[in-house]
C-alpha atoms as a PDB file:
ATOM      1  CA  MET A   1      73.427  85.886 105.542  1.00  0.00           C
ATOM      2  CA  SER A   2      76.946  87.064 104.697  1.00  0.00           C
ATOM      3  CA  ALA A   3      79.849  86.542 107.062  1.00  0.00           C
ATOM      4  CA  GLU A   4      80.047  90.304 107.588  1.00  0.00           C
ATOM      5  CA  MET A   5      76.468  90.576 108.780  1.00  0.00           C
ATOM      6  CA  ASN A   6      76.401  87.618 111.193  1.00  0.00           C
ATOM      7  CA  GLY A   7      77.784  89.585 114.127  1.00  0.00           C
ATOM      8  CA  SER A   8      81.253  88.099 114.187  1.00  0.00           C
ATOM      9  CA  PRO A   9      84.210  90.511 114.096  1.00  0.00           C
ATOM     10  CA  HIS A  10      86.329  91.014 110.980  1.00  0.00           C
ATOM     11  CA  TRP A  11      89.365  93.039 109.953  1.00  0.00           C
ATOM     12  CA  TYR A  12      88.642  96.388 108.294  1.00  0.00           C
ATOM     13  CA  VAL A  13      91.036  98.884 106.697  1.00  0.00           C
ATOM     14  CA  VAL A  14      91.484 102.214 108.465  1.00  0.00           C
ATOM     15  CA  GLN A  15      93.031 105.145 106.600  1.00  0.00           C
ATOM     16  CA  CYS A  16      95.218 107.297 108.831  1.00  0.00           C
ATOM     17  CA  LYS A  17      96.075 110.963 108.610  1.00  0.00           C
ATOM     18  CA  SER A  18      99.388 111.719 106.935  1.00  0.00           C
ATOM     19  CA  ARG A  19     102.325 110.320 108.945  1.00  0.00           C
ATOM     20  CA  GLN A  20     100.082 109.436 111.886  1.00  0.00           C
ATOM     21  CA  ASP A  21      99.880 105.642 111.544  1.00  0.00           C
ATOM     22  CA  ALA A  22     101.517 104.960 114.919  1.00  0.00           C
ATOM     23  CA  ARG A  23      99.418 107.632 116.632  1.00  0.00           C
ATOM     24  CA  ALA A  24      96.191 106.181 115.224  1.00  0.00           C
ATOM     25  CA  GLU A  25      97.247 102.680 116.295  1.00  0.00           C
ATOM     26  CA  ALA A  26      98.051 103.821 119.841  1.00  0.00           C
ATOM     27  CA  ASN A  27      94.776 105.748 120.183  1.00  0.00           C
ATOM     28  CA  LEU A  28      92.712 102.832 118.870  1.00  0.00           C
ATOM     29  CA  ARG A  29      94.438 100.478 121.303  1.00  0.00           C
ATOM     30  CA  ASN A  30      93.721 102.933 124.150  1.00  0.00           C
ATOM     31  CA  GLN A  31      90.046 102.490 123.266  1.00  0.00           C
ATOM     32  CA  HIS A  32      90.502  98.681 123.463  1.00  0.00           C
ATOM     33  CA  ILE A  33      90.030  98.262 119.715  1.00  0.00           C
ATOM     34  CA  PRO A  34      92.257  95.444 118.411  1.00  0.00           C
ATOM     35  CA  CYS A  35      94.314  96.695 115.500  1.00  0.00           C
ATOM     36  CA  TYR A  36      97.286  95.630 113.435  1.00  0.00           C
ATOM     37  CA  ARG A  37      99.783  97.894 111.704  1.00  0.00           C
ATOM     38  CA  PRO A  38     102.265  95.772 109.765  1.00  0.00           C
ATOM     39  CA  VAL A  39     105.749  97.212 110.261  1.00  0.00           C
ATOM     40  CA  ARG A  40     109.246  96.350 109.203  1.00  0.00           C
ATOM     41  CA  THR A  41     112.550  97.537 110.578  1.00  0.00           C
ATOM     42  CA  VAL A  42     114.655  99.542 108.162  1.00  0.00           C
ATOM     43  CA  GLN A  43     117.944 101.319 108.443  1.00  0.00           C
ATOM     44  CA  ALA A  44     117.808 105.110 108.344  1.00  0.00           C
ATOM     45  CA  ILE A  45     120.139 107.993 108.995  1.00  0.00           C
ATOM     46  CA  ARG A  46     118.899 110.303 111.747  1.00  0.00           C
ATOM     47  CA  GLN A  47     120.990 113.301 112.804  1.00  0.00           C
ATOM     48  CA  GLY A  48     123.932 111.929 110.868  1.00  0.00           C
ATOM     49  CA  LYS A  49     123.847 108.533 112.589  1.00  0.00           C
ATOM     50  CA  ARG A  50     122.751 105.196 111.188  1.00  0.00           C
ATOM     51  CA  THR A  51     119.866 103.761 113.176  1.00  0.00           C
ATOM     52  CA  HIS A  52     117.045 101.238 112.827  1.00  0.00           C
ATOM     53  CA  VAL A  53     113.484 102.548 112.641  1.00  0.00           C
ATOM     54  CA  GLU A  54     110.087 100.923 112.317  1.00  0.00           C
ATOM     55  CA  GLU A  55     108.315 101.732 109.064  1.00  0.00           C
ATOM     56  CA  SER A  56     104.705 100.906 108.179  1.00  0.00           C
ATOM     57  CA  LEU A  57     104.409  98.309 105.464  1.00  0.00           C
ATOM     58  CA  PHE A  58     101.321 100.155 104.189  1.00  0.00           C
ATOM     59  CA  PRO A  59     101.991 103.826 105.016  1.00  0.00           C
ATOM     60  CA  GLY A  60      98.774 105.602 105.890  1.00  0.00           C
ATOM     61  CA  TYR A  61      96.783 102.455 106.668  1.00  0.00           C
ATOM     62  CA  LEU A  62      96.202  99.928 109.430  1.00  0.00           C
ATOM     63  CA  PHE A  63      93.703  97.179 110.162  1.00  0.00           C
ATOM     64  CA  ALA A  64      91.082  97.225 112.919  1.00  0.00           C
ATOM     65  CA  TYR A  65      89.247  94.138 114.205  1.00  0.00           C
ATOM     66  CA  LEU A  66      85.616  95.161 114.555  1.00  0.00           C
ATOM     67  CA  CYS A  67      82.129  93.742 114.842  1.00  0.00           C
ATOM     68  CA  ARG A  68      79.561  95.547 112.703  1.00  0.00           C
ATOM     69  CA  LEU A  69      76.807  94.910 115.229  1.00  0.00           C
ATOM     70  CA  THR A  70      78.419  95.601 118.605  1.00  0.00           C
ATOM     71  CA  ASP A  71      81.387  97.964 118.105  1.00  0.00           C
ATOM     72  CA  SER A  72      81.017 101.727 118.079  1.00  0.00           C
ATOM     73  CA  TRP A  73      82.095 102.865 114.627  1.00  0.00           C
ATOM     74  CA  HIS A  74      81.635 106.521 115.486  1.00  0.00           C
ATOM     75  CA  THR A  75      84.510 106.467 117.990  1.00  0.00           C
ATOM     76  CA  ILE A  76      86.842 105.093 115.319  1.00  0.00           C
ATOM     77  CA  ARG A  77      86.130 107.948 112.922  1.00  0.00           C
ATOM     78  CA  SER A  78      86.751 110.518 115.669  1.00  0.00           C
ATOM     79  CA  THR A  79      89.984 108.913 116.921  1.00  0.00           C
ATOM     80  CA  ARG A  80      93.083 111.121 116.714  1.00  0.00           C
ATOM     81  CA  GLY A  81      95.251 110.050 113.799  1.00  0.00           C
ATOM     82  CA  VAL A  82      92.393 108.305 111.966  1.00  0.00           C
ATOM     83  CA  LEU A  83      91.102 109.849 108.746  1.00  0.00           C
ATOM     84  CA  ARG A  84      88.349 107.368 107.877  1.00  0.00           C
ATOM     85  CA  LEU A  85      87.377 103.744 107.399  1.00  0.00           C
ATOM     86  CA  VAL A  86      87.937 102.524 103.866  1.00  0.00           C
ATOM     87  CA  THR A  87      84.532 101.908 102.304  1.00  0.00           C
ATOM     88  CA  PHE A  88      82.878 100.767  99.123  1.00  0.00           C
ATOM     89  CA  ALA A  89      79.551 102.453  98.380  1.00  0.00           C
ATOM     90  CA  ASN A  90      79.681 104.047 101.867  1.00  0.00           C
ATOM     91  CA  THR A  91      79.903 100.621 103.518  1.00  0.00           C
ATOM     92  CA  PRO A  92      83.056  99.429 105.315  1.00  0.00           C
ATOM     93  CA  VAL A  93      84.263  96.306 103.576  1.00  0.00           C
ATOM     94  CA  ALA A  94      85.815  93.456 105.535  1.00  0.00           C
ATOM     95  CA  VAL A  95      89.242  92.235 104.503  1.00  0.00           C
ATOM     96  CA  GLU A  96      89.513  88.621 103.318  1.00  0.00           C
ATOM     97  CA  PRO A  97      89.749  86.412 106.434  1.00  0.00           C
ATOM     98  CA  GLY A  98      93.210  84.965 105.784  1.00  0.00           C
ATOM     99  CA  LEU A  99      94.893  88.183 104.644  1.00  0.00           C
ATOM    100  CA  ILE A 100      96.111  89.339 108.069  1.00  0.00           C
ATOM    101  CA  LYS A 101      97.509  85.886 108.877  1.00  0.00           C
ATOM    102  CA  ASP A 102      99.232  85.845 105.494  1.00  0.00           C
ATOM    103  CA  ILE A 103     100.778  89.302 106.027  1.00  0.00           C
ATOM    104  CA  LYS A 104     102.061  88.281 109.481  1.00  0.00           C
ATOM    105  CA  ARG A 105     103.507  85.044 108.097  1.00  0.00           C
ATOM    106  CA  ARG A 106     105.213  86.818 105.205  1.00  0.00           C
ATOM    107  CA  LEU A 107     106.721  89.469 107.479  1.00  0.00           C
ATOM    108  CA  GLU A 108     108.137  86.753 109.736  1.00  0.00           C
ATOM    109  CA  GLN A 109     109.596  84.878 106.764  1.00  0.00           C
ATOM    110  CA  HIS A 110     110.851  88.001 104.975  1.00  0.00           C
ATOM    111  CA  ASP A 111     113.671  88.704 107.415  1.00  0.00           C
ATOM    112  CA  GLU A 112     116.436  88.960 104.826  1.00  0.00           C
ATOM    113  CA  ARG A 113     119.019  87.901 107.364  1.00  0.00           C
ATOM    114  CA  SER A 114     117.484  84.439 107.428  1.00  0.00           C
ATOM    115  CA  LEU A 115     117.761  83.981 103.650  1.00  0.00           C
ATOM    116  CA  PHE A 116     121.509  83.386 103.772  1.00  0.00           C
ATOM    117  CA  LYS A 117     123.490  81.866 106.596  1.00  0.00           C
ATOM    118  CA  PRO A 118     126.996  83.115 107.442  1.00  0.00           C
ATOM    119  CA  GLY A 119     129.533  81.054 105.520  1.00  0.00           C
ATOM    120  CA  SER A 120     127.148  80.097 102.689  1.00  0.00           C
ATOM    121  CA  ILE A 121     128.194  80.557  99.071  1.00  0.00           C
ATOM    122  CA  VAL A 122     126.293  83.262  97.179  1.00  0.00           C
ATOM    123  CA  ARG A 123     126.468  84.691  93.660  1.00  0.00           C
ATOM    124  CA  LEU A 124     126.484  88.411  92.874  1.00  0.00           C
ATOM    125  CA  ALA A 125     123.885  89.186  90.210  1.00  0.00           C
ATOM    126  CA  GLU A 126     124.766  92.805  89.349  1.00  0.00           C
ATOM    127  CA  GLY A 127     127.567  95.314  89.349  1.00  0.00           C
ATOM    128  CA  PRO A 128     131.289  95.000  88.605  1.00  0.00           C
ATOM    129  CA  PHE A 129     131.479  91.586  90.296  1.00  0.00           C
ATOM    130  CA  LYS A 130     128.483  90.139  88.451  1.00  0.00           C
ATOM    131  CA  ASP A 131     128.418  86.308  88.280  1.00  0.00           C
ATOM    132  CA  LEU A 132     131.234  85.919  90.828  1.00  0.00           C
ATOM    133  CA  ASP A 133     130.765  83.676  93.833  1.00  0.00           C
ATOM    134  CA  ALA A 134     131.325  85.069  97.318  1.00  0.00           C
ATOM    135  CA  ILE A 135     130.871  83.964 100.913  1.00  0.00           C
ATOM    136  CA  PHE A 136     127.973  85.522 102.799  1.00  0.00           C
ATOM    137  CA  SER A 137     129.339  87.052 105.996  1.00  0.00           C
ATOM    138  CA  LYS A 138     126.384  88.900 107.543  1.00  0.00           C
ATOM    139  CA  ALA A 139     123.488  91.252 106.907  1.00  0.00           C
ATOM    140  CA  ASP A 140     124.309  94.929 107.308  1.00  0.00           C
ATOM    141  CA  GLY A 141     120.930  96.467 108.044  1.00  0.00           C
ATOM    142  CA  ALA A 142     117.727  95.655 106.215  1.00  0.00           C
ATOM    143  CA  GLU A 143     118.975  96.242 102.663  1.00  0.00           C
ATOM    144  CA  ARG A 144     122.716  95.528 102.585  1.00  0.00           C
ATOM    145  CA  ALA A 145     125.039  92.612 103.265  1.00  0.00           C
ATOM    146  CA  ILE A 146     128.717  92.004 103.802  1.00  0.00           C
ATOM    147  CA  VAL A 147     130.223  89.317 101.592  1.00  0.00           C
ATOM    148  CA  LEU A 148     133.755  87.984 101.281  1.00  0.00           C
ATOM    149  CA  LEU A 149     135.147  87.918  97.748  1.00  0.00           C
ATOM    150  CA  GLN A 150     138.428  86.354  96.667  1.00  0.00           C
ATOM    151  CA  ILE A 151     140.318  89.133  94.825  1.00  0.00           C
ATOM    152  CA  LEU A 152     144.072  89.159  94.082  1.00  0.00           C
ATOM    153  CA  GLN A 153     144.715  86.083  96.243  1.00  0.00           C
ATOM    154  CA  ARG A 154     143.055  87.780  99.239  1.00  0.00           C
ATOM    155  CA  GLN A 155     139.614  87.628 100.730  1.00  0.00           C
ATOM    156  CA  GLN A 156     138.114  91.123 100.551  1.00  0.00           C
ATOM    157  CA  GLN A 157     135.046  92.329 102.430  1.00  0.00           C
ATOM    158  CA  LEU A 158     132.428  94.008 100.248  1.00  0.00           C
ATOM    159  CA  ASN A 159     129.293  95.793 101.366  1.00  0.00           C
ATOM    160  CA  VAL A 160     126.669  95.114  98.680  1.00  0.00           C
ATOM    161  CA  PRO A 161     122.895  95.571  98.292  1.00  0.00           C
ATOM    162  CA  LEU A 162     121.055  92.496  99.553  1.00  0.00           C
ATOM    163  CA  ARG A 163     118.899  92.496  96.417  1.00  0.00           C
ATOM    164  CA  ILE A 164     121.859  91.535  94.168  1.00  0.00           C
ATOM    165  CA  ILE A 165     122.738  88.386  96.116  1.00  0.00           C
ATOM    166  CA  ARG A 166     121.477  85.078  94.755  1.00  0.00           C
ATOM    167  CA  SER A 167     121.980  81.448  95.613  1.00  0.00           C
ATOM    168  CA  PRO A 168     124.413  79.828  93.152  1.00  0.00           C
ATOM    169  CA  ASP A 169     122.577  77.606  90.652  1.00  0.00           C
END
């Protein structure tokens, strides 16, 4: 008997209607259905102001923790914000058991601000200052950082993309 058929709950992928991931998650939770929508905080400009917003890691999808024998699958399909359960040959397919734990772990570890500590030496990998060493000052949002670079006998602050910063080898 497969693990899916033994009556124990598993994670399944739910496809949401366009731009309704959060709505689907809230409505599923209101029905006491455990679900997980991996999100990350990103910097965005709203009404001309820089702000932090939550963005789905997998836009249009979330995970629901369901038992094939005891949970009502019909209510999931008719939930506001939900388009359908992802299926293979018209059968919902359970996600690998460790995948959700792995996603949660990676999201916790992927906080870019923890990659470099203030005061640590970093190397710029692209741009006009390629291969120069700088001092990491702080993260500036989810995708940028402020570094201190010695230019013309003065320490200058530069705002650079986080993706071009490397540890010196």
